[in-house]
Amino acid sequence: MTTIVHDILIRPVISEKSVAQTERNNYTFAVARDANKFQIKAAVEAEFKVDVLGVRVLSVKPKEKRRGRRTPGMTAGWRKAVVTIAAGQKIELFEAV
């Protein structure tokens, strides 16, 4: 089964918490719902040329939000992966923030 890297890694997650985690070599990505840890590890290693030590995956649940004054709605649920890379390496994508 061959998958394309861009089908697995959707986007980096840029938040206050995820940027603070980069000091500990943990990088956060939004990933495809059907991607497993092995595919995520291979995608990060292929895309950024780093050594991945571990991958933690979690599902972010949808939340209720208002869409206007009276219209209730829901945010979309998505899947998040926190990737730990080897010491001394970094992903330049996060360094610009």
N, C-alpha and C. Protein backbone atom coordinates (compact mmCIF):
# COMPACT_ATOMS: atom_id res chain seq x y z
N MET A 1 0.85 -1.17 0.00
CA MET A 1 0.00 0.00 0.00
C MET A 1 0.89 1.24 0.00
N THR A 2 0.84 1.99 -1.06
CA THR A 2 1.63 3.21 -1.13
C THR A 2 0.71 4.40 -0.91
N THR A 3 1.17 5.31 -0.08
CA THR A 3 0.42 6.52 0.18
C THR A 3 1.33 7.71 -0.04
N ILE A 4 0.75 8.81 -0.41
CA ILE A 4 1.50 10.03 -0.66
C ILE A 4 1.61 10.79 0.66
N VAL A 5 2.77 11.40 0.88
CA VAL A 5 3.03 12.12 2.12
C VAL A 5 1.99 13.20 2.35
N HIS A 6 1.59 13.89 1.31
CA HIS A 6 0.64 14.99 1.45
C HIS A 6 -0.78 14.51 1.76
N ASP A 7 -1.04 13.23 1.55
CA ASP A 7 -2.34 12.68 1.93
C ASP A 7 -2.37 12.34 3.43
N ILE A 8 -1.22 12.16 4.04
CA ILE A 8 -1.15 11.81 5.46
C ILE A 8 -1.01 13.06 6.32
N LEU A 9 -0.02 13.91 6.02
CA LEU A 9 0.20 15.14 6.77
C LEU A 9 -0.63 16.25 6.14
N ILE A 10 -1.64 16.73 6.85
CA ILE A 10 -2.52 17.75 6.30
C ILE A 10 -1.93 19.14 6.49
N ARG A 11 -1.55 19.46 7.73
CA ARG A 11 -0.98 20.78 8.02
C ARG A 11 -0.30 20.73 9.38
N PRO A 12 0.64 21.64 9.63
CA PRO A 12 1.17 21.75 10.98
C PRO A 12 0.18 22.47 11.88
N VAL A 13 0.16 22.13 13.14
CA VAL A 13 -0.71 22.81 14.10
C VAL A 13 0.12 23.89 14.78
N ILE A 14 -0.24 25.15 14.55
CA ILE A 14 0.48 26.28 15.12
C ILE A 14 -0.40 26.86 16.22
N SER A 15 -0.06 26.54 17.46
CA SER A 15 -0.75 27.09 18.62
C SER A 15 0.31 27.42 19.66
N GLU A 16 -0.10 28.09 20.71
CA GLU A 16 0.84 28.46 21.75
C GLU A 16 1.47 27.22 22.38
N LYS A 17 0.66 26.22 22.63
CA LYS A 17 1.15 25.00 23.26
C LYS A 17 2.07 24.22 22.32
N SER A 18 1.70 24.09 21.05
CA SER A 18 2.51 23.30 20.12
C SER A 18 3.85 23.98 19.83
N VAL A 19 3.86 25.30 19.76
CA VAL A 19 5.13 26.01 19.54
C VAL A 19 6.04 25.86 20.76
N ALA A 20 5.47 25.87 21.96
CA ALA A 20 6.26 25.68 23.17
C ALA A 20 6.84 24.26 23.22
N GLN A 21 6.14 23.28 22.68
CA GLN A 21 6.61 21.90 22.68
C GLN A 21 7.80 21.68 21.74
N THR A 22 8.00 22.58 20.78
CA THR A 22 9.12 22.41 19.84
C THR A 22 10.46 22.50 20.55
N GLU A 23 10.52 23.15 21.71
CA GLU A 23 11.76 23.20 22.48
C GLU A 23 12.14 21.82 23.00
N ARG A 24 11.17 20.93 23.13
CA ARG A 24 11.41 19.55 23.58
C ARG A 24 11.39 18.57 22.42
N ASN A 25 11.55 19.09 21.19
CA ASN A 25 11.59 18.29 19.96
C ASN A 25 10.27 17.56 19.69
N ASN A 26 9.14 18.14 20.12
CA ASN A 26 7.82 17.60 19.81
C ASN A 26 7.14 18.53 18.82
N TYR A 27 6.71 17.99 17.70
CA TYR A 27 6.06 18.77 16.65
C TYR A 27 4.67 18.20 16.41
N THR A 28 3.69 19.09 16.21
CA THR A 28 2.30 18.69 16.12
C THR A 28 1.79 18.90 14.70
N PHE A 29 1.08 17.89 14.17
CA PHE A 29 0.51 17.95 12.83
C PHE A 29 -0.94 17.49 12.85
N ALA A 30 -1.76 18.08 11.99
CA ALA A 30 -3.07 17.52 11.70
C ALA A 30 -2.85 16.45 10.64
N VAL A 31 -3.40 15.27 10.88
CA VAL A 31 -3.16 14.14 9.99
C VAL A 31 -4.49 13.56 9.50
N ALA A 32 -4.39 12.71 8.50
CA ALA A 32 -5.57 12.05 7.95
C ALA A 32 -6.18 11.13 9.00
N ARG A 33 -7.49 11.00 8.98
CA ARG A 33 -8.20 10.19 9.98
C ARG A 33 -7.83 8.71 9.92
N ASP A 34 -7.48 8.21 8.74
CA ASP A 34 -7.19 6.78 8.61
C ASP A 34 -5.70 6.47 8.66
N ALA A 35 -4.85 7.45 8.92
CA ALA A 35 -3.40 7.21 8.99
C ALA A 35 -3.03 6.59 10.33
N ASN A 36 -2.13 5.61 10.31
CA ASN A 36 -1.67 5.01 11.56
C ASN A 36 -0.30 5.57 11.92
N LYS A 37 0.24 5.16 13.06
CA LYS A 37 1.50 5.71 13.56
C LYS A 37 2.67 5.43 12.63
N PHE A 38 2.69 4.25 12.02
CA PHE A 38 3.79 3.89 11.13
C PHE A 38 3.78 4.77 9.88
N GLN A 39 2.60 5.03 9.34
CA GLN A 39 2.50 5.89 8.16
C GLN A 39 2.87 7.32 8.49
N ILE A 40 2.47 7.81 9.66
CA ILE A 40 2.80 9.17 10.07
C ILE A 40 4.31 9.30 10.25
N LYS A 41 4.93 8.33 10.88
CA LYS A 41 6.38 8.34 11.08
C LYS A 41 7.11 8.37 9.74
N ALA A 42 6.71 7.52 8.81
CA ALA A 42 7.35 7.47 7.50
C ALA A 42 7.15 8.78 6.74
N ALA A 43 5.97 9.38 6.85
CA ALA A 43 5.69 10.63 6.14
C ALA A 43 6.54 11.78 6.67
N VAL A 44 6.69 11.89 7.99
CA VAL A 44 7.49 12.97 8.58
C VAL A 44 8.97 12.77 8.22
N GLU A 45 9.44 11.53 8.29
CA GLU A 45 10.84 11.27 7.95
C GLU A 45 11.12 11.57 6.48
N ALA A 46 10.19 11.24 5.60
CA ALA A 46 10.38 11.49 4.17
C ALA A 46 10.28 12.98 3.84
N GLU A 47 9.36 13.68 4.45
CA GLU A 47 9.12 15.09 4.12
C GLU A 47 10.20 16.01 4.69
N PHE A 48 10.62 15.78 5.93
CA PHE A 48 11.51 16.73 6.61
C PHE A 48 12.92 16.20 6.84
N LYS A 49 13.22 14.97 6.44
CA LYS A 49 14.56 14.37 6.56
C LYS A 49 15.07 14.42 8.00
N VAL A 50 14.24 13.94 8.94
CA VAL A 50 14.59 13.86 10.36
C VAL A 50 14.36 12.43 10.84
N ASP A 51 14.93 12.10 12.00
CA ASP A 51 14.72 10.79 12.61
C ASP A 51 13.62 10.91 13.65
N VAL A 52 12.53 10.15 13.46
CA VAL A 52 11.39 10.19 14.37
C VAL A 52 11.58 9.13 15.45
N LEU A 53 11.50 9.56 16.71
CA LEU A 53 11.64 8.64 17.84
C LEU A 53 10.31 8.09 18.32
N GLY A 54 9.23 8.89 18.19
CA GLY A 54 7.93 8.44 18.66
C GLY A 54 6.80 9.25 18.06
N VAL A 55 5.63 8.65 18.02
CA VAL A 55 4.43 9.31 17.50
C VAL A 55 3.29 9.05 18.47
N ARG A 56 2.62 10.12 18.89
CA ARG A 56 1.41 10.01 19.71
C ARG A 56 0.26 10.58 18.89
N VAL A 57 -0.84 9.86 18.85
CA VAL A 57 -1.98 10.24 18.02
C VAL A 57 -3.22 10.39 18.89
N LEU A 58 -4.02 11.42 18.62
CA LEU A 58 -5.27 11.59 19.33
C LEU A 58 -6.31 12.21 18.40
N SER A 59 -7.56 11.97 18.72
CA SER A 59 -8.66 12.54 17.96
C SER A 59 -9.22 13.75 18.70
N VAL A 60 -9.32 14.86 18.00
CA VAL A 60 -9.90 16.06 18.58
C VAL A 60 -11.40 16.00 18.31
N LYS A 61 -12.18 16.02 19.35
CA LYS A 61 -13.62 15.86 19.21
C LYS A 61 -14.27 17.15 18.70
N PRO A 62 -15.38 17.03 17.98
CA PRO A 62 -16.10 18.24 17.55
C PRO A 62 -16.71 18.97 18.73
N LYS A 63 -16.83 20.28 18.59
CA LYS A 63 -17.40 21.09 19.67
C LYS A 63 -18.63 21.84 19.15
N GLU A 64 -19.54 22.12 20.06
CA GLU A 64 -20.71 22.92 19.69
C GLU A 64 -20.31 24.38 19.62
N LYS A 65 -20.68 25.04 18.54
CA LYS A 65 -20.42 26.47 18.36
C LYS A 65 -21.67 27.10 17.76
N ARG A 66 -21.81 28.38 17.96
CA ARG A 66 -22.92 29.09 17.36
C ARG A 66 -22.52 29.60 15.99
N ARG A 67 -23.46 29.54 15.08
CA ARG A 67 -23.28 30.08 13.73
C ARG A 67 -24.30 31.20 13.55
N GLY A 68 -24.02 32.33 14.15
CA GLY A 68 -24.98 33.44 14.13
C GLY A 68 -25.69 33.52 15.47
N ARG A 69 -26.80 34.24 15.50
CA ARG A 69 -27.50 34.44 16.78
C ARG A 69 -28.21 33.19 17.27
N ARG A 70 -28.94 32.55 16.39
CA ARG A 70 -29.78 31.43 16.83
C ARG A 70 -29.39 30.08 16.25
N THR A 71 -28.50 30.06 15.31
CA THR A 71 -28.20 28.82 14.61
C THR A 71 -27.11 28.03 15.34
N PRO A 72 -27.46 26.88 15.89
CA PRO A 72 -26.42 26.05 16.52
C PRO A 72 -25.63 25.32 15.44
N GLY A 73 -24.42 24.95 15.75
CA GLY A 73 -23.59 24.23 14.80
C GLY A 73 -22.51 23.45 15.53
N MET A 74 -21.68 22.79 14.77
CA MET A 74 -20.59 21.98 15.32
C MET A 74 -19.32 22.28 14.53
N THR A 75 -18.19 22.30 15.25
CA THR A 75 -16.92 22.35 14.55
C THR A 75 -16.59 20.95 14.06
N ALA A 76 -15.72 20.83 13.11
CA ALA A 76 -15.36 19.53 12.58
C ALA A 76 -14.38 18.84 13.52
N GLY A 77 -14.52 17.55 13.68
CA GLY A 77 -13.54 16.77 14.41
C GLY A 77 -12.35 16.50 13.51
N TRP A 78 -11.17 16.31 14.09
CA TRP A 78 -9.98 16.05 13.30
C TRP A 78 -9.00 15.22 14.12
N ARG A 79 -7.93 14.79 13.50
CA ARG A 79 -6.96 13.92 14.15
C ARG A 79 -5.62 14.63 14.24
N LYS A 80 -4.98 14.51 15.38
CA LYS A 80 -3.74 15.22 15.65
C LYS A 80 -2.65 14.22 16.00
N ALA A 81 -1.43 14.48 15.52
CA ALA A 81 -0.28 13.64 15.85
C ALA A 81 0.83 14.50 16.42
N VAL A 82 1.39 14.07 17.55
CA VAL A 82 2.54 14.74 18.15
C VAL A 82 3.74 13.85 17.88
N VAL A 83 4.70 14.38 17.12
CA VAL A 83 5.85 13.60 16.68
C VAL A 83 7.09 14.06 17.44
N THR A 84 7.82 13.12 18.03
CA THR A 84 9.06 13.41 18.73
C THR A 84 10.22 13.05 17.80
N ILE A 85 11.14 14.02 17.59
CA ILE A 85 12.28 13.77 16.72
C ILE A 85 13.55 13.71 17.56
N ALA A 86 14.62 13.24 16.95
CA ALA A 86 15.89 13.05 17.64
C ALA A 86 16.47 14.39 18.10
N ALA A 87 17.24 14.33 19.18
CA ALA A 87 17.87 15.55 19.72
C ALA A 87 18.86 16.11 18.70
N GLY A 88 18.90 17.43 18.63
CA GLY A 88 19.80 18.10 17.70
C GLY A 88 19.20 18.34 16.33
N GLN A 89 18.05 17.75 16.04
CA GLN A 89 17.38 17.96 14.77
C GLN A 89 16.20 18.90 14.97
N LYS A 90 15.78 19.57 13.90
CA LYS A 90 14.59 20.41 13.99
C LYS A 90 13.92 20.49 12.64
N ILE A 91 12.64 20.87 12.68
CA ILE A 91 11.87 21.05 11.47
C ILE A 91 11.76 22.55 11.24
N GLU A 92 12.29 23.01 10.13
CA GLU A 92 12.39 24.45 9.86
C GLU A 92 11.03 25.11 9.70
N LEU A 93 10.02 24.35 9.37
CA LEU A 93 8.68 24.90 9.18
C LEU A 93 8.17 25.60 10.44
N PHE A 94 8.52 25.08 11.60
CA PHE A 94 8.04 25.62 12.86
C PHE A 94 8.94 26.77 13.37
N GLU A 95 10.14 26.87 12.86
CA GLU A 95 11.09 27.85 13.36
C GLU A 95 10.74 29.27 12.92
N ALA A 96 9.94 29.42 11.87
CA ALA A 96 9.59 30.73 11.36
C ALA A 96 8.53 31.41 12.21
N VAL A 97 7.88 30.66 13.09
CA VAL A 97 6.79 31.21 13.90
C VAL A 97 7.35 31.90 15.11
